[in-house]
């Protein structure tokens, strides 16, 4: 009778161990999924920020080029104005 109780106790303990181990695995999977989602969101935000910075840099470069072109046009106009005054 004692052996049957010991075996029954061992099976109950084994069942409880396996049950809680499975339960912990589910909680761990859920936790890892949440972490994965958070990391994915952070990477996504970082990519958006990088794209925005690239766009800002491109706009700044275009502005600089436009400013240089305007300066060249202004110098040409001033030269033409001075040249026209001297030819009169």
PDB file of N, CA and C in Angstrom:
ATOM      1  N   UNK A   1       0.811  -1.192   0.000  1.00  0.00           N
ATOM      2  CA  UNK A   1       0.000   0.000   0.000  1.00  0.00           C
ATOM      3  C   UNK A   1       0.858   1.261   0.000  1.00  0.00           C
ATOM      4  N   UNK A   2       1.955   1.236   0.771  1.00  0.00           N
ATOM      5  CA  UNK A   2       2.852   2.394   0.829  1.00  0.00           C
ATOM      6  C   UNK A   2       3.517   2.647  -0.518  1.00  0.00           C
ATOM      7  N   UNK A   3       3.848   1.592  -1.227  1.00  0.00           N
ATOM      8  CA  UNK A   3       4.508   1.739  -2.535  1.00  0.00           C
ATOM      9  C   UNK A   3       3.539   2.385  -3.520  1.00  0.00           C
ATOM     10  N   UNK A   4       2.290   1.987  -3.490  1.00  0.00           N
ATOM     11  CA  UNK A   4       1.285   2.570  -4.380  1.00  0.00           C
ATOM     12  C   UNK A   4       1.122   4.056  -4.071  1.00  0.00           C
ATOM     13  N   UNK A   5       1.095   4.432  -2.801  1.00  0.00           N
ATOM     14  CA  UNK A   5       0.991   5.847  -2.436  1.00  0.00           C
ATOM     15  C   UNK A   5       2.209   6.633  -2.890  1.00  0.00           C
ATOM     16  N   UNK A   6       3.398   6.042  -2.751  1.00  0.00           N
ATOM     17  CA  UNK A   6       4.632   6.716  -3.182  1.00  0.00           C
ATOM     18  C   UNK A   6       4.616   6.901  -4.699  1.00  0.00           C
ATOM     19  N   UNK A   7       4.221   5.872  -5.451  1.00  0.00           N
ATOM     20  CA  UNK A   7       4.159   5.967  -6.910  1.00  0.00           C
ATOM     21  C   UNK A   7       3.105   7.000  -7.320  1.00  0.00           C
ATOM     22  N   UNK A   8       1.950   6.960  -6.659  1.00  0.00           N
ATOM     23  CA  UNK A   8       0.893   7.935  -6.940  1.00  0.00           C
ATOM     24  C   UNK A   8       1.372   9.358  -6.635  1.00  0.00           C
ATOM     25  N   UNK A   9       2.056   9.542  -5.538  1.00  0.00           N
ATOM     26  CA  UNK A   9       2.620  10.841  -5.172  1.00  0.00           C
ATOM     27  C   UNK A   9       3.635  11.301  -6.215  1.00  0.00           C
ATOM     28  N   UNK A  10       4.481  10.373  -6.697  1.00  0.00           N
ATOM     29  CA  UNK A  10       5.482  10.706  -7.715  1.00  0.00           C
ATOM     30  C   UNK A  10       4.795  11.131  -9.011  1.00  0.00           C
ATOM     31  N   UNK A  11       3.735  10.398  -9.416  1.00  0.00           N
ATOM     32  CA  UNK A  11       3.018  10.769 -10.634  1.00  0.00           C
ATOM     33  C   UNK A  11       2.326  12.130 -10.505  1.00  0.00           C
ATOM     34  N   UNK A  12       1.747  12.392  -9.346  1.00  0.00           N
ATOM     35  CA  UNK A  12       1.108  13.688  -9.122  1.00  0.00           C
ATOM     36  C   UNK A  12       2.144  14.802  -9.190  1.00  0.00           C
ATOM     37  N   UNK A  13       3.294  14.597  -8.558  1.00  0.00           N
ATOM     38  CA  UNK A  13       4.376  15.593  -8.613  1.00  0.00           C
ATOM     39  C   UNK A  13       4.873  15.797 -10.039  1.00  0.00           C
ATOM     40  N   UNK A  14       5.033  14.703 -10.766  1.00  0.00           N
ATOM     41  CA  UNK A  14       5.489  14.792 -12.152  1.00  0.00           C
ATOM     42  C   UNK A  14       4.469  15.566 -12.986  1.00  0.00           C
ATOM     43  N   UNK A  15       3.182  15.279 -12.797  1.00  0.00           N
ATOM     44  CA  UNK A  15       2.133  15.995 -13.510  1.00  0.00           C
ATOM     45  C   UNK A  15       2.165  17.488 -13.183  1.00  0.00           C
ATOM     46  N   UNK A  16       2.295  17.809 -11.896  1.00  0.00           N
ATOM     47  CA  UNK A  16       2.336  19.219 -11.496  1.00  0.00           C
ATOM     48  C   UNK A  16       3.554  19.931 -12.077  1.00  0.00           C
ATOM     49  N   UNK A  17       4.687  19.252 -12.053  1.00  0.00           N
ATOM     50  CA  UNK A  17       5.912  19.851 -12.615  1.00  0.00           C
ATOM     51  C   UNK A  17       5.731  20.137 -14.101  1.00  0.00           C
ATOM     52  N   UNK A  18       5.221  19.146 -14.846  1.00  0.00           N
ATOM     53  CA  UNK A  18       5.026  19.334 -16.289  1.00  0.00           C
ATOM     54  C   UNK A  18       3.973  20.412 -16.581  1.00  0.00           C
ATOM     55  N   UNK A  19       2.906  20.429 -15.779  1.00  0.00           N
ATOM     56  CA  UNK A  19       1.854  21.426 -15.973  1.00  0.00           C
ATOM     57  C   UNK A  19       2.390  22.838 -15.783  1.00  0.00           C
ATOM     58  N   UNK A  20       3.121  23.062 -14.687  1.00  0.00           N
ATOM     59  CA  UNK A  20       3.629  24.408 -14.423  1.00  0.00           C
ATOM     60  C   UNK A  20       4.765  24.785 -15.357  1.00  0.00           C
ATOM     61  N   UNK A  21       5.517  23.786 -15.811  1.00  0.00           N
ATOM     62  CA  UNK A  21       6.580  24.075 -16.776  1.00  0.00           C
ATOM     63  C   UNK A  21       5.951  24.559 -18.092  1.00  0.00           C
ATOM     64  N   UNK A  22       4.867  23.882 -18.514  1.00  0.00           N
ATOM     65  CA  UNK A  22       4.170  24.299 -19.734  1.00  0.00           C
ATOM     66  C   UNK A  22       3.560  25.688 -19.559  1.00  0.00           C
ATOM     67  N   UNK A  23       2.987  25.939 -18.401  1.00  0.00           N
ATOM     68  CA  UNK A  23       2.386  27.243 -18.107  1.00  0.00           C
ATOM     69  C   UNK A  23       3.455  28.338 -18.175  1.00  0.00           C
ATOM     70  N   UNK A  24       4.629  28.063 -17.589  1.00  0.00           N
ATOM     71  CA  UNK A  24       5.725  29.041 -17.631  1.00  0.00           C
ATOM     72  C   UNK A  24       6.218  29.257 -19.049  1.00  0.00           C
ATOM     73  N   UNK A  25       6.230  28.200 -19.862  1.00  0.00           N
ATOM     74  CA  UNK A  25       6.666  28.332 -21.256  1.00  0.00           C
ATOM     75  C   UNK A  25       5.711  29.248 -22.018  1.00  0.00           C
ATOM     76  N   UNK A  26       4.404  29.138 -21.754  1.00  0.00           N
ATOM     77  CA  UNK A  26       3.435  30.012 -22.418  1.00  0.00           C
ATOM     78  C   UNK A  26       3.637  31.463 -22.001  1.00  0.00           C
ATOM     79  N   UNK A  27       3.872  31.679 -20.717  1.00  0.00           N
ATOM     80  CA  UNK A  27       4.115  33.044 -20.229  1.00  0.00           C
ATOM     81  C   UNK A  27       5.391  33.600 -20.844  1.00  0.00           C
ATOM     82  N   UNK A  28       6.411  32.746 -20.935  1.00  0.00           N
ATOM     83  CA  UNK A  28       7.683  33.180 -21.527  1.00  0.00           C
ATOM     84  C   UNK A  28       7.507  33.520 -23.005  1.00  0.00           C
ATOM     85  N   UNK A  29       6.737  32.707 -23.732  1.00  0.00           N
ATOM     86  CA  UNK A  29       6.481  32.996 -25.149  1.00  0.00           C
ATOM     87  C   UNK A  29       5.766  34.336 -25.304  1.00  0.00           C
ATOM     88  N   UNK A  30       4.777  34.568 -24.461  1.00  0.00           N
ATOM     89  CA  UNK A  30       4.038  35.822 -24.505  1.00  0.00           C
ATOM     90  C   UNK A  30       4.965  37.003 -24.222  1.00  0.00           C
ATOM     91  N   UNK A  31       5.815  36.842 -23.236  1.00  0.00           N
ATOM     92  CA  UNK A  31       6.776  37.896 -22.887  1.00  0.00           C
ATOM     93  C   UNK A  31       7.738  38.153 -24.045  1.00  0.00           C
ATOM     94  N   UNK A  32       8.252  37.087 -24.652  1.00  0.00           N
ATOM     95  CA  UNK A  32       9.177  37.249 -25.778  1.00  0.00           C
ATOM     96  C   UNK A  32       8.481  37.909 -26.970  1.00  0.00           C
ATOM     97  N   UNK A  33       7.211  37.569 -27.183  1.00  0.00           N
ATOM     98  CA  UNK A  33       6.461  38.192 -28.275  1.00  0.00           C
ATOM     99  C   UNK A  33       6.298  39.688 -28.031  1.00  0.00           C
ATOM    100  N   UNK A  34       5.993  40.050 -26.797  1.00  0.00           N
ATOM    101  CA  UNK A  34       5.866  41.479 -26.470  1.00  0.00           C
ATOM    102  C   UNK A  34       7.182  42.212 -26.700  1.00  0.00           C
ATOM    103  N   UNK A  35       8.279  41.595 -26.271  1.00  0.00           N
ATOM    104  CA  UNK A  35       9.599  42.213 -26.474  1.00  0.00           C
ATOM    105  C   UNK A  35       9.880  42.363 -27.964  1.00  0.00           C
ATOM    106  N   UNK A  36       9.562  41.318 -28.749  1.00  0.00           N
ATOM    107  CA  UNK A  36       9.769  41.377 -30.197  1.00  0.00           C
ATOM    108  C   UNK A  36       8.974  42.529 -30.810  1.00  0.00           C
ATOM    109  N   UNK A  37       7.708  42.682 -30.384  1.00  0.00           N
ATOM    110  CA  UNK A  37       6.873  43.768 -30.916  1.00  0.00           C
ATOM    111  C   UNK A  37       7.451  45.134 -30.564  1.00  0.00           C
ATOM    112  N   UNK A  38       7.933  45.270 -29.330  1.00  0.00           N
ATOM    113  CA  UNK A  38       8.523  46.540 -28.913  1.00  0.00           C
ATOM    114  C   UNK A  38       9.783  46.840 -29.716  1.00  0.00           C
ATOM    115  N   UNK A  39      10.637  45.824 -29.923  1.00  0.00           N
ATOM    116  CA  UNK A  39      11.851  46.029 -30.704  1.00  0.00           C
ATOM    117  C   UNK A  39      11.506  46.399 -32.143  1.00  0.00           C
ATOM    118  N   UNK A  40      10.500  45.720 -32.708  1.00  0.00           N
ATOM    119  CA  UNK A  40      10.083  46.020 -34.079  1.00  0.00           C
ATOM    120  C   UNK A  40       9.590  47.456 -34.190  1.00  0.00           C
ATOM    121  N   UNK A  41       8.828  47.893 -33.193  1.00  0.00           N
ATOM    122  CA  UNK A  41       8.326  49.269 -33.197  1.00  0.00           C
ATOM    123  C   UNK A  41       9.476  50.274 -33.081  1.00  0.00           C
ATOM    124  N   UNK A  42      10.464  49.968 -32.231  1.00  0.00           N
ATOM    125  CA  UNK A  42      11.610  50.866 -32.083  1.00  0.00           C
ATOM    126  C   UNK A  42      12.410  50.957 -33.381  1.00  0.00           C
ATOM    127  N   UNK A  43      12.613  49.815 -34.032  1.00  0.00           N
ATOM    128  CA  UNK A  43      13.351  49.800 -35.300  1.00  0.00           C
ATOM    129  C   UNK A  43      12.584  50.595 -36.345  1.00  0.00           C
ATOM    130  N   UNK A  44      11.276  50.441 -36.365  1.00  0.00           N
ATOM    131  CA  UNK A  44      10.439  51.170 -37.307  1.00  0.00           C
ATOM    132  C   UNK A  44      10.538  52.671 -37.085  1.00  0.00           C
ATOM    133  N   UNK A  45      10.480  53.089 -35.823  1.00  0.00           N
ATOM    134  CA  UNK A  45      10.614  54.512 -35.503  1.00  0.00           C
ATOM    135  C   UNK A  45      11.993  55.037 -35.899  1.00  0.00           C
ATOM    136  N   UNK A  46      13.019  54.216 -35.667  1.00  0.00           N
ATOM    137  CA  UNK A  46      14.376  54.624 -36.027  1.00  0.00           C
ATOM    138  C   UNK A  46      14.491  54.796 -37.539  1.00  0.00           C
ATOM    139  N   UNK A  47      13.894  53.869 -38.301  1.00  0.00           N
ATOM    140  CA  UNK A  47      13.934  53.978 -39.760  1.00  0.00           C
ATOM    141  C   UNK A  47      13.201  55.229 -40.241  1.00  0.00           C
ATOM    142  N   UNK A  48      12.054  55.530 -39.625  1.00  0.00           N
ATOM    143  CA  UNK A  48      11.326  56.752 -39.982  1.00  0.00           C
ATOM    144  C   UNK A  48      12.184  57.979 -39.702  1.00  0.00           C
ATOM    145  N   UNK A  49      12.842  57.969 -38.541  1.00  0.00           N
ATOM    146  CA  UNK A  49      13.692  59.107 -38.168  1.00  0.00           C
ATOM    147  C   UNK A  49      14.844  59.253 -39.159  1.00  0.00           C
ATOM    148  N   UNK A  50      15.459  58.135 -39.537  1.00  0.00           N
ATOM    149  CA  UNK A  50      16.562  58.185 -40.501  1.00  0.00           C
ATOM    150  C   UNK A  50      16.092  58.723 -41.855  1.00  0.00           C
ATOM    151  N   UNK A  51      14.914  58.282 -42.297  1.00  0.00           N
ATOM    152  CA  UNK A  51      14.383  58.772 -43.576  1.00  0.00           C
ATOM    153  C   UNK A  51      14.097  60.270 -43.500  1.00  0.00           C
ATOM    154  N   UNK A  52      13.559  60.702 -42.358  1.00  0.00           N
ATOM    155  CA  UNK A  52      13.271  62.118 -42.191  1.00  0.00           C
ATOM    156  C   UNK A  52      14.565  62.936 -42.216  1.00  0.00           C
ATOM    157  N   UNK A  53      15.597  62.437 -41.528  1.00  0.00           N
ATOM    158  CA  UNK A  53      16.885  63.139 -41.527  1.00  0.00           C
ATOM    159  C   UNK A  53      17.476  63.192 -42.930  1.00  0.00           C
ATOM    160  N   UNK A  54      17.353  62.094 -43.684  1.00  0.00           N
ATOM    161  CA  UNK A  54      17.847  62.092 -45.059  1.00  0.00           C
ATOM    162  C   UNK A  54      17.110  63.133 -45.899  1.00  0.00           C
ATOM    163  N   UNK A  55      15.791  63.205 -45.716  1.00  0.00           N
ATOM    164  CA  UNK A  55      15.008  64.189 -46.467  1.00  0.00           C
ATOM    165  C   UNK A  55      15.422  65.615 -46.098  1.00  0.00           C
ATOM    166  N   UNK A  56      15.634  65.854 -44.825  1.00  0.00           N
ATOM    167  CA  UNK A  56      16.060  67.185 -44.376  1.00  0.00           C
ATOM    168  C   UNK A  56      17.417  67.530 -44.968  1.00  0.00           C
ATOM    169  N   UNK A  57      18.331  66.566 -44.987  1.00  0.00           N
ATOM    170  CA  UNK A  57      19.653  66.819 -45.566  1.00  0.00           C
ATOM    171  C   UNK A  57      19.565  67.099 -47.062  1.00  0.00           C
ATOM    172  N   UNK A  58      18.688  66.365 -47.749  1.00  0.00           N
ATOM    173  CA  UNK A  58      18.512  66.606 -49.186  1.00  0.00           C
ATOM    174  C   UNK A  58      17.933  67.996 -49.432  1.00  0.00           C
ATOM    175  N   UNK A  59      16.957  68.381 -48.619  1.00  0.00           N
ATOM    176  CA  UNK A  59      16.380  69.719 -48.771  1.00  0.00           C
ATOM    177  C   UNK A  59      17.407  70.807 -48.499  1.00  0.00           C
ATOM    178  N   UNK A  60      18.238  70.602 -47.496  1.00  0.00           N
ATOM    179  CA  UNK A  60      19.281  71.590 -47.191  1.00  0.00           C
ATOM    180  C   UNK A  60      20.265  71.697 -48.350  1.00  0.00           C
ATOM    181  N   UNK A  61      20.602  70.565 -48.939  1.00  0.00           N
ATOM    182  CA  UNK A  61      21.526  70.577 -50.079  1.00  0.00           C
ATOM    183  C   UNK A  61      20.889  71.286 -51.277  1.00  0.00           C
ATOM    184  N   UNK A  62      19.609  71.009 -51.512  1.00  0.00           N
ATOM    185  CA  UNK A  62      18.914  71.689 -52.616  1.00  0.00           C
ATOM    186  C   UNK A  62      18.845  73.191 -52.369  1.00  0.00           C
ATOM    187  N   UNK A  63      18.592  73.583 -51.126  1.00  0.00           N
ATOM    188  CA  UNK A  63      18.541  75.006 -50.797  1.00  0.00           C
ATOM    189  C   UNK A  63      19.894  75.669 -51.041  1.00  0.00           C
ATOM    190  N   UNK A  64      20.946  74.972 -50.661  1.00  0.00           N
ATOM    191  CA  UNK A  64      22.289  75.522 -50.862  1.00  0.00           C
ATOM    192  C   UNK A  64      22.582  75.687 -52.350  1.00  0.00           C
ATOM    193  N   UNK A  65      22.230  74.662 -53.137  1.00  0.00           N
ATOM    194  CA  UNK A  65      22.451  74.750 -54.587  1.00  0.00           C
ATOM    195  C   UNK A  65      21.635  75.886 -55.204  1.00  0.00           C
ATOM    196  N   UNK A  66      20.395  76.016 -54.755  1.00  0.00           N
ATOM    197  CA  UNK A  66      19.546  77.095 -55.269  1.00  0.00           C
ATOM    198  C   UNK A  66      20.119  78.459 -54.908  1.00  0.00           C
ATOM    199  N   UNK A  67      20.605  78.583 -53.683  1.00  0.00           N
ATOM    200  CA  UNK A  67      21.197  79.846 -53.245  1.00  0.00           C
ATOM    201  C   UNK A  67      22.432  80.183 -54.084  1.00  0.00           C
ATOM    202  N   UNK A  68      23.247  79.168 -54.381  1.00  0.00           N
ATOM    203  CA  UNK A  68      24.432  79.405 -55.216  1.00  0.00           C
ATOM    204  C   UNK A  68      24.021  79.846 -56.621  1.00  0.00           C
ATOM    205  N   UNK A  69      22.983  79.201 -57.166  1.00  0.00           N
ATOM    206  CA  UNK A  69      22.514  79.584 -58.501  1.00  0.00           C
ATOM    207  C   UNK A  69      21.979  81.015 -58.493  1.00  0.00           C
ATOM    208  N   UNK A  70      21.246  81.367 -57.447  1.00  0.00           N
ATOM    209  CA  UNK A  70      20.730  82.735 -57.348  1.00  0.00           C
ATOM    210  C   UNK A  70      21.859  83.745 -57.240  1.00  0.00           C
ATOM    211  N   UNK A  71      22.890  83.413 -56.512  1.00  0.00           N
ATOM    212  CA  UNK A  71      24.043  84.305 -56.384  1.00  0.00           C
ATOM    213  C   UNK A  71      24.715  84.505 -57.746  1.00  0.00           C
ATOM    214  N   UNK A  72      24.856  83.410 -58.485  1.00  0.00           N
ATOM    215  CA  UNK A  72      25.462  83.511 -59.828  1.00  0.00           C
ATOM    216  C   UNK A  72      24.601  84.385 -60.729  1.00  0.00           C
ATOM    217  N   UNK A  73      23.301  84.200 -60.677  1.00  0.00           N
ATOM    218  CA  UNK A  73      22.404  85.017 -61.509  1.00  0.00           C
ATOM    219  C   UNK A  73      22.491  86.494 -61.103  1.00  0.00           C
ATOM    220  N   UNK A  74      22.535  86.751 -59.803  1.00  0.00           N
ATOM    221  CA  UNK A  74      22.640  88.129 -59.336  1.00  0.00           C
ATOM    222  C   UNK A  74      23.948  88.765 -59.806  1.00  0.00           C
ATOM    223  N   UNK A  75      25.046  88.010 -59.727  1.00  0.00           N
ATOM    224  CA  UNK A  75      26.328  88.557 -60.196  1.00  0.00           C
ATOM    225  C   UNK A  75      26.294  88.832 -61.694  1.00  0.00           C
ATOM    226  N   UNK A  76      25.672  87.959 -62.457  1.00  0.00           N
ATOM    227  CA  UNK A  76      25.562  88.182 -63.902  1.00  0.00           C
ATOM    228  C   UNK A  76      24.750  89.441 -64.195  1.00  0.00           C
ATOM    229  N   UNK A  77      23.635  89.589 -63.447  1.00  0.00           N
ATOM    230  CA  UNK A  77      22.814  90.787 -63.662  1.00  0.00           C
ATOM    231  C   UNK A  77      23.571  92.055 -63.309  1.00  0.00           C
ATOM    232  N   UNK A  78      24.317  92.027 -62.212  1.00  0.00           N
ATOM    233  CA  UNK A  78      25.107  93.208 -61.840  1.00  0.00           C
ATOM    234  C   UNK A  78      26.177  93.505 -62.887  1.00  0.00           C
ATOM    235  N   UNK A  79      26.808  92.453 -63.399  1.00  0.00           N
ATOM    236  CA  UNK A  79      27.816  92.651 -64.436  1.00  0.00           C
ATOM    237  C   UNK A  79      27.187  93.246 -65.692  1.00  0.00           C
ATOM    238  N   UNK A  80      26.025  92.689 -66.071  1.00  0.00           N
ATOM    239  CA  UNK A  80      25.340  93.214 -67.259  1.00  0.00           C
ATOM    240  C   UNK A  80      24.925  94.661 -67.046  1.00  0.00           C
ATOM    241  N   UNK A  81      24.492  94.991 -65.850  1.00  0.00           N
ATOM    242  CA  UNK A  81      24.101  96.365 -65.555  1.00  0.00           C
ATOM    243  C   UNK A  81      25.306  97.298 -65.648  1.00  0.00           C
ATOM    244  N   UNK A  82      26.403  96.896 -65.033  1.00  0.00           N
ATOM    245  CA  UNK A  82      27.611  97.715 -65.118  1.00  0.00           C
ATOM    246  C   UNK A  82      28.126  97.822 -66.549  1.00  0.00           C
ATOM    247  N   UNK A  83      28.074  96.726 -67.288  1.00  0.00           N
ATOM    248  CA  UNK A  83      28.540  96.719 -68.658  1.00  0.00           C
ATOM    249  C   UNK A  83      27.678  97.635 -69.529  1.00  0.00           C
ATOM    250  N   UNK A  84      26.380  97.607 -69.286  1.00  0.00           N
ATOM    251  CA  UNK A  84      25.484  98.464 -70.086  1.00  0.00           C
ATOM    252  C   UNK A  84      25.721  99.946 -69.763  1.00  0.00           C
ATOM    253  N   UNK A  85      26.070 100.262 -68.489  1.00  0.00           N
ATOM    254  CA  UNK A  85      26.332 101.653 -68.132  1.00  0.00           C
ATOM    255  C   UNK A  85      27.615 102.157 -68.812  1.00  0.00           C
ATOM    256  N   UNK A  86      28.617 101.299 -68.878  1.00  0.00           N
ATOM    257  CA  UNK A  86      29.884 101.729 -69.444  1.00  0.00           C
ATOM    258  C   UNK A  86      29.815 101.870 -70.965  1.00  0.00           C
ATOM    259  N   UNK A  87      28.927 101.179 -71.614  1.00  0.00           N
ATOM    260  CA  UNK A  87      28.809 101.251 -73.070  1.00  0.00           C
ATOM    261  C   UNK A  87      27.988 102.460 -73.521  1.00  0.00           C
ATOM    262  N   UNK A  88      27.290 103.050 -72.617  1.00  0.00           N
ATOM    263  CA  UNK A  88      26.484 104.215 -73.009  1.00  0.00           C
ATOM    264  C   UNK A  88      27.364 105.390 -73.185  1.00  0.00           C
TER     265      UNK A  88
END
